[in-house]
Amino acid sequence: MRAKKALGAGAVLLALVSGIGWAQAADSQAPARAKSAATAAVDGYQIVRLPNADVGNFQRRTVYCPSGKAAIGGGAEAQGSDAILVGSFPTDGGDGWIGLGRQTRYSTVGISVYVICAYR
């Protein structure tokens, strides 16, 4: 009985976090709907990507939201042998995302940056 209660609580939490209604949480199609419901819940939701490129160690790469939108989240990835992500944070103006990294054995590192945008 305890396992059923935990599963039920997990389904409720998933429904609340993903923005779908209680009736949809029990539906087998809920995961597909959850993405569109979350996207529709944030006005102007958009992900902007800055694809991987090699830059010098500790060099910042910045991706910006389109005009009229603000960053509501983001992230970065350091790619390559011995790559280390050093920083991933919003721009001072809140309209983009910055990523930087380094490699221990090389002078360059591959950095990808992503920003999640929405209307202000």
N, C-alpha and C. Protein backbone atom coordinates (compact mmCIF):
# COMPACT_ATOMS: atom_id res chain seq x y z
N MET A 1 0.82 -1.20 0.00
CA MET A 1 0.00 0.00 0.00
C MET A 1 0.86 1.26 0.00
N ARG A 2 1.99 1.20 0.70
CA ARG A 2 2.87 2.37 0.76
C ARG A 2 3.38 2.75 -0.63
N ALA A 3 3.71 1.77 -1.46
CA ALA A 3 4.21 2.05 -2.81
C ALA A 3 3.17 2.79 -3.63
N LYS A 4 1.90 2.42 -3.50
CA LYS A 4 0.84 3.09 -4.24
C LYS A 4 0.72 4.55 -3.81
N LYS A 5 0.86 4.82 -2.53
CA LYS A 5 0.77 6.19 -2.05
C LYS A 5 1.93 7.02 -2.60
N ALA A 6 3.12 6.46 -2.62
CA ALA A 6 4.28 7.19 -3.14
C ALA A 6 4.10 7.47 -4.62
N LEU A 7 3.61 6.51 -5.37
CA LEU A 7 3.38 6.70 -6.79
C LEU A 7 2.33 7.78 -7.01
N GLY A 8 1.27 7.75 -6.22
CA GLY A 8 0.22 8.75 -6.35
C GLY A 8 0.74 10.14 -6.05
N ALA A 9 1.55 10.28 -5.01
CA ALA A 9 2.12 11.58 -4.66
C ALA A 9 3.06 12.05 -5.76
N GLY A 10 3.81 11.13 -6.35
CA GLY A 10 4.72 11.48 -7.45
C GLY A 10 3.95 11.98 -8.66
N ALA A 11 2.82 11.34 -8.96
CA ALA A 11 2.01 11.76 -10.10
C ALA A 11 1.43 13.15 -9.86
N VAL A 12 1.01 13.43 -8.63
CA VAL A 12 0.48 14.75 -8.31
C VAL A 12 1.58 15.80 -8.46
N LEU A 13 2.77 15.50 -7.92
CA LEU A 13 3.89 16.43 -8.03
C LEU A 13 4.26 16.67 -9.48
N LEU A 14 4.33 15.61 -10.28
CA LEU A 14 4.64 15.75 -11.70
C LEU A 14 3.60 16.62 -12.39
N ALA A 15 2.34 16.42 -12.08
CA ALA A 15 1.27 17.20 -12.69
C ALA A 15 1.39 18.68 -12.32
N LEU A 16 1.72 18.95 -11.06
CA LEU A 16 1.84 20.34 -10.63
C LEU A 16 3.06 21.02 -11.24
N VAL A 17 4.19 20.33 -11.25
CA VAL A 17 5.42 20.92 -11.77
C VAL A 17 5.34 21.14 -13.28
N SER A 18 4.76 20.19 -14.00
CA SER A 18 4.73 20.31 -15.45
C SER A 18 3.61 21.21 -15.95
N GLY A 19 2.71 21.60 -15.07
CA GLY A 19 1.66 22.53 -15.47
C GLY A 19 0.45 21.87 -16.11
N ILE A 20 0.38 20.54 -16.05
CA ILE A 20 -0.79 19.88 -16.62
C ILE A 20 -1.84 19.68 -15.54
N GLY A 21 -3.04 19.54 -15.93
CA GLY A 21 -4.13 19.36 -14.98
C GLY A 21 -4.14 17.99 -14.36
N TRP A 22 -4.84 17.84 -13.25
CA TRP A 22 -4.94 16.57 -12.53
C TRP A 22 -5.51 15.48 -13.42
N ALA A 23 -6.52 15.79 -14.19
CA ALA A 23 -7.15 14.78 -15.04
C ALA A 23 -6.16 14.28 -16.10
N GLN A 24 -5.28 15.14 -16.58
CA GLN A 24 -4.32 14.73 -17.59
C GLN A 24 -3.20 13.87 -17.00
N ALA A 25 -2.91 14.01 -15.72
CA ALA A 25 -1.80 13.28 -15.11
C ALA A 25 -2.01 11.77 -15.22
N ALA A 26 -3.24 11.32 -15.17
CA ALA A 26 -3.52 9.89 -15.25
C ALA A 26 -3.56 9.40 -16.69
N ASP A 27 -3.61 10.30 -17.65
CA ASP A 27 -3.70 9.97 -19.06
C ASP A 27 -2.35 9.48 -19.57
N SER A 28 -2.34 8.45 -20.39
CA SER A 28 -1.09 7.92 -20.92
C SER A 28 -0.43 8.90 -21.88
N GLN A 29 -1.12 9.91 -22.36
CA GLN A 29 -0.56 10.90 -23.26
C GLN A 29 -0.01 12.12 -22.51
N ALA A 30 -0.03 12.11 -21.19
CA ALA A 30 0.39 13.26 -20.40
C ALA A 30 1.80 13.74 -20.71
N PRO A 31 2.83 12.88 -20.87
CA PRO A 31 4.17 13.40 -21.16
C PRO A 31 4.21 14.24 -22.45
N ALA A 32 3.51 13.83 -23.48
CA ALA A 32 3.50 14.60 -24.73
C ALA A 32 2.80 15.93 -24.52
N ARG A 33 1.74 15.96 -23.77
CA ARG A 33 1.00 17.19 -23.50
C ARG A 33 1.75 18.10 -22.54
N ALA A 34 2.53 17.51 -21.63
CA ALA A 34 3.22 18.31 -20.62
C ALA A 34 4.15 19.33 -21.28
N LYS A 35 4.84 18.94 -22.33
CA LYS A 35 5.75 19.87 -22.99
C LYS A 35 4.99 21.04 -23.59
N SER A 36 3.90 20.77 -24.29
CA SER A 36 3.16 21.86 -24.90
C SER A 36 2.45 22.71 -23.85
N ALA A 37 2.01 22.10 -22.75
CA ALA A 37 1.37 22.87 -21.68
C ALA A 37 2.38 23.79 -21.01
N ALA A 38 3.59 23.30 -20.77
CA ALA A 38 4.63 24.13 -20.15
C ALA A 38 5.02 25.26 -21.09
N THR A 39 5.13 24.98 -22.37
CA THR A 39 5.48 25.99 -23.35
C THR A 39 4.40 27.06 -23.41
N ALA A 40 3.15 26.66 -23.40
CA ALA A 40 2.04 27.60 -23.47
C ALA A 40 1.89 28.41 -22.18
N ALA A 41 2.38 27.87 -21.06
CA ALA A 41 2.23 28.54 -19.77
C ALA A 41 3.14 29.75 -19.64
N VAL A 42 4.19 29.84 -20.44
CA VAL A 42 5.13 30.96 -20.39
C VAL A 42 5.02 31.72 -21.71
N ASP A 43 4.59 32.96 -21.65
CA ASP A 43 4.35 33.76 -22.85
C ASP A 43 5.65 34.01 -23.61
N GLY A 44 5.71 33.53 -24.84
CA GLY A 44 6.87 33.74 -25.68
C GLY A 44 8.03 32.79 -25.41
N TYR A 45 7.76 31.67 -24.75
CA TYR A 45 8.80 30.69 -24.40
C TYR A 45 9.61 30.32 -25.64
N GLN A 46 10.93 30.40 -25.52
CA GLN A 46 11.80 30.10 -26.65
C GLN A 46 13.18 29.72 -26.12
N ILE A 47 13.79 28.70 -26.71
CA ILE A 47 15.17 28.34 -26.39
C ILE A 47 16.05 28.78 -27.55
N VAL A 48 17.10 29.53 -27.23
CA VAL A 48 18.06 29.99 -28.23
C VAL A 48 19.39 29.30 -27.92
N ARG A 49 19.99 28.70 -28.95
CA ARG A 49 21.22 27.94 -28.77
C ARG A 49 22.39 28.59 -29.50
N LEU A 50 23.53 28.58 -28.85
CA LEU A 50 24.79 28.96 -29.47
C LEU A 50 25.57 27.66 -29.60
N PRO A 51 25.68 27.11 -30.82
CA PRO A 51 26.28 25.79 -30.97
C PRO A 51 27.74 25.77 -30.55
N ASN A 52 28.23 24.56 -30.33
CA ASN A 52 29.60 24.35 -29.88
C ASN A 52 30.61 25.02 -30.79
N ALA A 53 31.58 25.69 -30.17
CA ALA A 53 32.71 26.29 -30.90
C ALA A 53 33.90 26.30 -29.95
N ASP A 54 35.08 26.08 -30.51
CA ASP A 54 36.30 26.14 -29.71
C ASP A 54 36.68 27.60 -29.48
N VAL A 55 36.95 27.90 -28.23
CA VAL A 55 37.41 29.23 -27.84
C VAL A 55 38.57 29.05 -26.86
N GLY A 56 39.31 30.11 -26.63
CA GLY A 56 40.40 30.05 -25.66
C GLY A 56 39.89 29.76 -24.26
N ASN A 57 40.72 29.12 -23.46
CA ASN A 57 40.35 28.84 -22.07
C ASN A 57 39.91 30.12 -21.38
N PHE A 58 38.82 30.05 -20.65
CA PHE A 58 38.22 31.13 -19.88
C PHE A 58 37.59 32.24 -20.74
N GLN A 59 37.53 32.04 -22.05
CA GLN A 59 36.87 33.03 -22.91
C GLN A 59 35.36 32.84 -22.81
N ARG A 60 34.63 33.92 -22.60
CA ARG A 60 33.18 33.86 -22.48
C ARG A 60 32.52 33.73 -23.84
N ARG A 61 31.44 32.92 -23.88
CA ARG A 61 30.56 32.88 -25.05
C ARG A 61 29.18 33.30 -24.55
N THR A 62 28.55 34.18 -25.29
CA THR A 62 27.27 34.74 -24.85
C THR A 62 26.22 34.56 -25.94
N VAL A 63 25.03 34.11 -25.54
CA VAL A 63 23.88 34.02 -26.44
C VAL A 63 22.79 34.94 -25.87
N TYR A 64 22.11 35.66 -26.77
CA TYR A 64 21.10 36.63 -26.35
C TYR A 64 19.70 36.22 -26.79
N CYS A 65 18.72 36.67 -26.01
CA CYS A 65 17.32 36.49 -26.37
C CYS A 65 16.97 37.49 -27.48
N PRO A 66 15.93 37.17 -28.26
CA PRO A 66 15.45 38.14 -29.24
C PRO A 66 14.94 39.40 -28.54
N SER A 67 14.87 40.49 -29.26
CA SER A 67 14.41 41.76 -28.73
C SER A 67 13.03 41.61 -28.06
N GLY A 68 12.88 42.21 -26.89
CA GLY A 68 11.62 42.18 -26.16
C GLY A 68 11.47 40.99 -25.23
N LYS A 69 12.46 40.09 -25.24
CA LYS A 69 12.40 38.92 -24.37
C LYS A 69 13.52 38.97 -23.35
N ALA A 70 13.29 38.29 -22.22
CA ALA A 70 14.27 38.22 -21.14
C ALA A 70 14.65 36.77 -20.88
N ALA A 71 15.84 36.58 -20.36
CA ALA A 71 16.30 35.24 -20.00
C ALA A 71 15.60 34.80 -18.72
N ILE A 72 14.98 33.62 -18.75
CA ILE A 72 14.38 33.06 -17.55
C ILE A 72 15.13 31.81 -17.10
N GLY A 73 16.17 31.46 -17.84
CA GLY A 73 17.01 30.31 -17.49
C GLY A 73 18.03 30.10 -18.58
N GLY A 74 18.91 29.16 -18.37
CA GLY A 74 19.91 28.87 -19.37
C GLY A 74 20.93 27.88 -18.87
N GLY A 75 21.94 27.64 -19.69
CA GLY A 75 22.98 26.71 -19.30
C GLY A 75 24.08 26.71 -20.33
N ALA A 76 25.14 25.98 -20.02
CA ALA A 76 26.28 25.88 -20.91
C ALA A 76 26.89 24.50 -20.76
N GLU A 77 27.68 24.12 -21.76
CA GLU A 77 28.35 22.83 -21.74
C GLU A 77 29.76 23.01 -22.25
N ALA A 78 30.72 22.46 -21.52
CA ALA A 78 32.12 22.43 -21.96
C ALA A 78 32.37 21.08 -22.60
N GLN A 79 32.92 21.08 -23.81
CA GLN A 79 33.13 19.83 -24.54
C GLN A 79 34.61 19.68 -24.89
N GLY A 80 35.06 18.45 -24.82
CA GLY A 80 36.43 18.14 -25.17
C GLY A 80 37.11 17.33 -24.08
N SER A 81 38.26 16.79 -24.43
CA SER A 81 39.02 16.00 -23.48
C SER A 81 39.44 16.86 -22.29
N ASP A 82 39.11 16.43 -21.10
CA ASP A 82 39.43 17.17 -19.86
C ASP A 82 38.77 18.53 -19.78
N ALA A 83 37.63 18.71 -20.44
CA ALA A 83 36.92 20.00 -20.42
C ALA A 83 36.24 20.21 -19.07
N ILE A 84 36.28 21.43 -18.60
CA ILE A 84 35.66 21.80 -17.33
C ILE A 84 34.82 23.05 -17.56
N LEU A 85 33.54 23.00 -17.19
CA LEU A 85 32.69 24.19 -17.25
C LEU A 85 33.02 25.05 -16.04
N VAL A 86 33.46 26.27 -16.29
CA VAL A 86 33.88 27.16 -15.21
C VAL A 86 32.74 28.08 -14.78
N GLY A 87 31.90 28.51 -15.73
CA GLY A 87 30.81 29.41 -15.39
C GLY A 87 29.63 29.27 -16.33
N SER A 88 28.44 29.46 -15.78
CA SER A 88 27.19 29.45 -16.53
C SER A 88 26.23 30.35 -15.77
N PHE A 89 25.94 31.53 -16.36
CA PHE A 89 25.16 32.52 -15.62
C PHE A 89 24.52 33.51 -16.57
N PRO A 90 23.47 34.24 -16.11
CA PRO A 90 22.80 35.22 -16.97
C PRO A 90 23.66 36.46 -17.18
N THR A 91 23.40 37.17 -18.27
CA THR A 91 24.07 38.45 -18.51
C THR A 91 23.60 39.46 -17.48
N ASP A 92 24.37 40.51 -17.29
CA ASP A 92 23.99 41.55 -16.32
C ASP A 92 22.64 42.18 -16.64
N GLY A 93 22.33 42.34 -17.93
CA GLY A 93 21.06 42.93 -18.33
C GLY A 93 19.88 41.97 -18.31
N GLY A 94 20.15 40.68 -18.05
CA GLY A 94 19.09 39.68 -18.00
C GLY A 94 18.50 39.31 -19.34
N ASP A 95 19.23 39.61 -20.43
CA ASP A 95 18.72 39.33 -21.76
C ASP A 95 19.50 38.23 -22.48
N GLY A 96 20.33 37.49 -21.75
CA GLY A 96 21.10 36.43 -22.38
C GLY A 96 21.77 35.55 -21.34
N TRP A 97 22.62 34.65 -21.84
CA TRP A 97 23.31 33.69 -20.97
C TRP A 97 24.77 33.60 -21.37
N ILE A 98 25.65 33.43 -20.40
CA ILE A 98 27.09 33.35 -20.62
C ILE A 98 27.60 31.99 -20.17
N GLY A 99 28.52 31.43 -20.95
CA GLY A 99 29.18 30.19 -20.57
C GLY A 99 30.67 30.32 -20.81
N LEU A 100 31.47 29.73 -19.94
CA LEU A 100 32.90 29.70 -20.14
C LEU A 100 33.48 28.44 -19.51
N GLY A 101 34.60 28.01 -20.05
CA GLY A 101 35.22 26.80 -19.55
C GLY A 101 36.71 26.78 -19.83
N ARG A 102 37.30 25.63 -19.55
CA ARG A 102 38.72 25.46 -19.80
C ARG A 102 39.03 23.98 -19.95
N GLN A 103 40.19 23.70 -20.49
CA GLN A 103 40.71 22.35 -20.55
C GLN A 103 42.05 22.34 -19.82
N THR A 104 42.36 21.24 -19.18
CA THR A 104 43.60 21.18 -18.41
C THR A 104 44.82 20.94 -19.28
N ARG A 105 44.65 20.29 -20.43
CA ARG A 105 45.81 19.95 -21.27
C ARG A 105 45.91 20.77 -22.55
N TYR A 106 44.90 21.59 -22.84
CA TYR A 106 44.88 22.35 -24.10
C TYR A 106 44.57 23.81 -23.83
N SER A 107 44.83 24.65 -24.81
CA SER A 107 44.59 26.09 -24.64
C SER A 107 43.20 26.50 -25.12
N THR A 108 42.44 25.57 -25.70
CA THR A 108 41.07 25.87 -26.15
C THR A 108 40.10 24.84 -25.58
N VAL A 109 38.83 25.22 -25.59
CA VAL A 109 37.76 24.35 -25.10
C VAL A 109 36.51 24.61 -25.94
N GLY A 110 35.73 23.57 -26.18
CA GLY A 110 34.46 23.72 -26.88
C GLY A 110 33.38 24.15 -25.90
N ILE A 111 32.66 25.21 -26.24
CA ILE A 111 31.60 25.73 -25.37
C ILE A 111 30.31 25.88 -26.17
N SER A 112 29.22 25.33 -25.64
CA SER A 112 27.86 25.52 -26.16
C SER A 112 27.10 26.29 -25.08
N VAL A 113 26.22 27.20 -25.50
CA VAL A 113 25.45 27.99 -24.54
C VAL A 113 23.99 28.00 -24.97
N TYR A 114 23.09 27.94 -24.00
CA TYR A 114 21.65 27.90 -24.23
C TYR A 114 20.99 28.93 -23.33
N VAL A 115 19.98 29.62 -23.84
CA VAL A 115 19.21 30.53 -23.02
C VAL A 115 17.72 30.26 -23.24
N ILE A 116 16.96 30.29 -22.17
CA ILE A 116 15.51 30.13 -22.24
C ILE A 116 14.92 31.53 -22.08
N CYS A 117 14.14 31.93 -23.06
CA CYS A 117 13.63 33.29 -23.12
C CYS A 117 12.11 33.33 -23.01
N ALA A 118 11.60 34.45 -22.57
CA ALA A 118 10.14 34.70 -22.52
C ALA A 118 9.93 36.20 -22.61
N TYR A 119 8.70 36.59 -22.96
CA TYR A 119 8.39 38.02 -23.02
C TYR A 119 8.52 38.64 -21.64
N ARG A 120 8.95 39.87 -21.63
CA ARG A 120 9.12 40.61 -20.36
C ARG A 120 7.78 40.95 -19.78
